């Protein structure tokens, strides 16, 4: 099993897209909980 991302079914930009979506949703949830906890 190679560690290189040479899987033709999933391009590299897809990984960055998933990462960006995950970070954005977690940021939104964090802001939502901060608003509720503070107030």
N, C-alpha and C. Protein backbone atom coordinates (compact mmCIF):
# COMPACT_ATOMS: atom_id res chain seq x y z
N UNK A 1 0.85 -1.20 0.00
CA UNK A 1 0.00 0.00 0.00
C UNK A 1 0.88 1.25 0.00
N UNK A 2 0.76 2.04 -1.04
CA UNK A 2 1.60 3.23 -1.16
C UNK A 2 0.98 4.40 -0.40
N UNK A 3 1.84 5.27 0.11
CA UNK A 3 1.37 6.41 0.88
C UNK A 3 1.05 7.59 -0.03
N UNK A 4 1.46 7.49 -1.32
CA UNK A 4 1.18 8.58 -2.25
C UNK A 4 -0.29 8.62 -2.61
N UNK A 5 -0.82 9.82 -2.85
CA UNK A 5 -2.21 9.97 -3.24
C UNK A 5 -2.32 9.79 -4.75
N UNK A 6 -2.19 8.55 -5.20
CA UNK A 6 -2.27 8.30 -6.64
C UNK A 6 -3.53 7.51 -6.97
N UNK A 7 -4.56 7.68 -6.15
CA UNK A 7 -5.83 7.02 -6.42
C UNK A 7 -6.61 7.82 -7.46
N UNK A 8 -6.85 7.23 -8.63
CA UNK A 8 -7.52 7.98 -9.72
C UNK A 8 -8.98 8.29 -9.41
N UNK A 9 -9.57 7.59 -8.46
CA UNK A 9 -10.98 7.81 -8.15
C UNK A 9 -11.19 9.07 -7.32
N UNK A 10 -10.15 9.49 -6.61
CA UNK A 10 -10.30 10.68 -5.75
C UNK A 10 -9.14 11.64 -5.98
N UNK A 11 -9.38 12.74 -6.71
CA UNK A 11 -8.34 13.74 -6.96
C UNK A 11 -7.93 14.47 -5.69
N UNK A 12 -6.80 15.14 -5.76
CA UNK A 12 -6.26 15.81 -4.58
C UNK A 12 -7.15 16.95 -4.10
N UNK A 13 -7.75 17.68 -5.04
CA UNK A 13 -8.57 18.83 -4.63
C UNK A 13 -9.76 18.39 -3.79
N UNK A 14 -10.20 17.13 -3.98
CA UNK A 14 -11.32 16.63 -3.20
C UNK A 14 -10.95 16.56 -1.72
N UNK A 15 -9.71 16.18 -1.43
CA UNK A 15 -9.26 16.13 -0.03
C UNK A 15 -9.31 17.51 0.59
N UNK A 16 -8.86 18.51 -0.17
CA UNK A 16 -8.87 19.89 0.34
C UNK A 16 -10.30 20.39 0.50
N UNK A 17 -11.19 19.96 -0.40
CA UNK A 17 -12.59 20.36 -0.30
C UNK A 17 -13.22 19.79 0.97
N UNK A 18 -12.96 18.51 1.23
CA UNK A 18 -13.49 17.89 2.45
C UNK A 18 -12.92 18.56 3.69
N UNK A 19 -11.62 18.87 3.65
CA UNK A 19 -10.97 19.53 4.79
C UNK A 19 -11.58 20.91 5.03
N UNK A 20 -11.78 21.66 3.96
CA UNK A 20 -12.36 22.99 4.09
C UNK A 20 -13.78 22.94 4.64
N UNK A 21 -14.58 22.01 4.13
CA UNK A 21 -15.96 21.87 4.62
C UNK A 21 -15.97 21.49 6.09
N UNK A 22 -15.08 20.57 6.47
CA UNK A 22 -15.02 20.14 7.87
C UNK A 22 -14.63 21.30 8.78
N UNK A 23 -13.62 22.07 8.38
CA UNK A 23 -13.18 23.21 9.18
C UNK A 23 -14.28 24.27 9.27
N UNK A 24 -14.97 24.52 8.16
CA UNK A 24 -16.02 25.55 8.15
C UNK A 24 -17.18 25.15 9.05
N UNK A 25 -17.61 23.89 8.96
CA UNK A 25 -18.73 23.44 9.78
C UNK A 25 -18.37 23.44 11.25
N UNK A 26 -17.15 23.03 11.58
CA UNK A 26 -16.72 23.02 12.98
C UNK A 26 -16.64 24.46 13.50
N UNK A 27 -16.21 25.39 12.65
CA UNK A 27 -16.14 26.80 13.03
C UNK A 27 -17.54 27.35 13.29
N UNK A 28 -18.49 26.99 12.44
CA UNK A 28 -19.87 27.43 12.61
C UNK A 28 -20.46 26.87 13.90
N UNK A 29 -20.21 25.60 14.18
CA UNK A 29 -20.72 24.99 15.40
C UNK A 29 -20.09 25.62 16.63
N UNK A 30 -18.80 25.93 16.56
CA UNK A 30 -18.11 26.55 17.70
C UNK A 30 -18.72 27.92 17.98
N UNK A 31 -18.96 28.71 16.94
CA UNK A 31 -19.57 30.03 17.12
C UNK A 31 -20.98 29.92 17.67
N UNK A 32 -21.72 28.93 17.21
CA UNK A 32 -23.09 28.71 17.69
C UNK A 32 -23.09 28.39 19.18
N UNK A 33 -22.19 27.51 19.60
CA UNK A 33 -22.14 27.13 21.02
C UNK A 33 -21.62 28.27 21.87
N UNK A 34 -20.70 29.07 21.35
CA UNK A 34 -20.21 30.22 22.10
C UNK A 34 -21.34 31.22 22.35
N UNK A 35 -22.18 31.43 21.34
CA UNK A 35 -23.32 32.33 21.51
C UNK A 35 -24.28 31.80 22.56
N UNK A 36 -24.53 30.51 22.54
CA UNK A 36 -25.47 29.93 23.51
C UNK A 36 -24.91 29.96 24.93
N UNK A 37 -23.62 29.65 25.07
CA UNK A 37 -23.02 29.59 26.40
C UNK A 37 -22.87 30.98 27.00
N UNK A 38 -22.56 31.97 26.15
CA UNK A 38 -22.35 33.32 26.66
C UNK A 38 -23.64 34.09 26.79
N UNK A 39 -24.74 33.55 26.23
CA UNK A 39 -25.85 34.18 26.27
C UNK A 39 -27.07 34.67 26.20
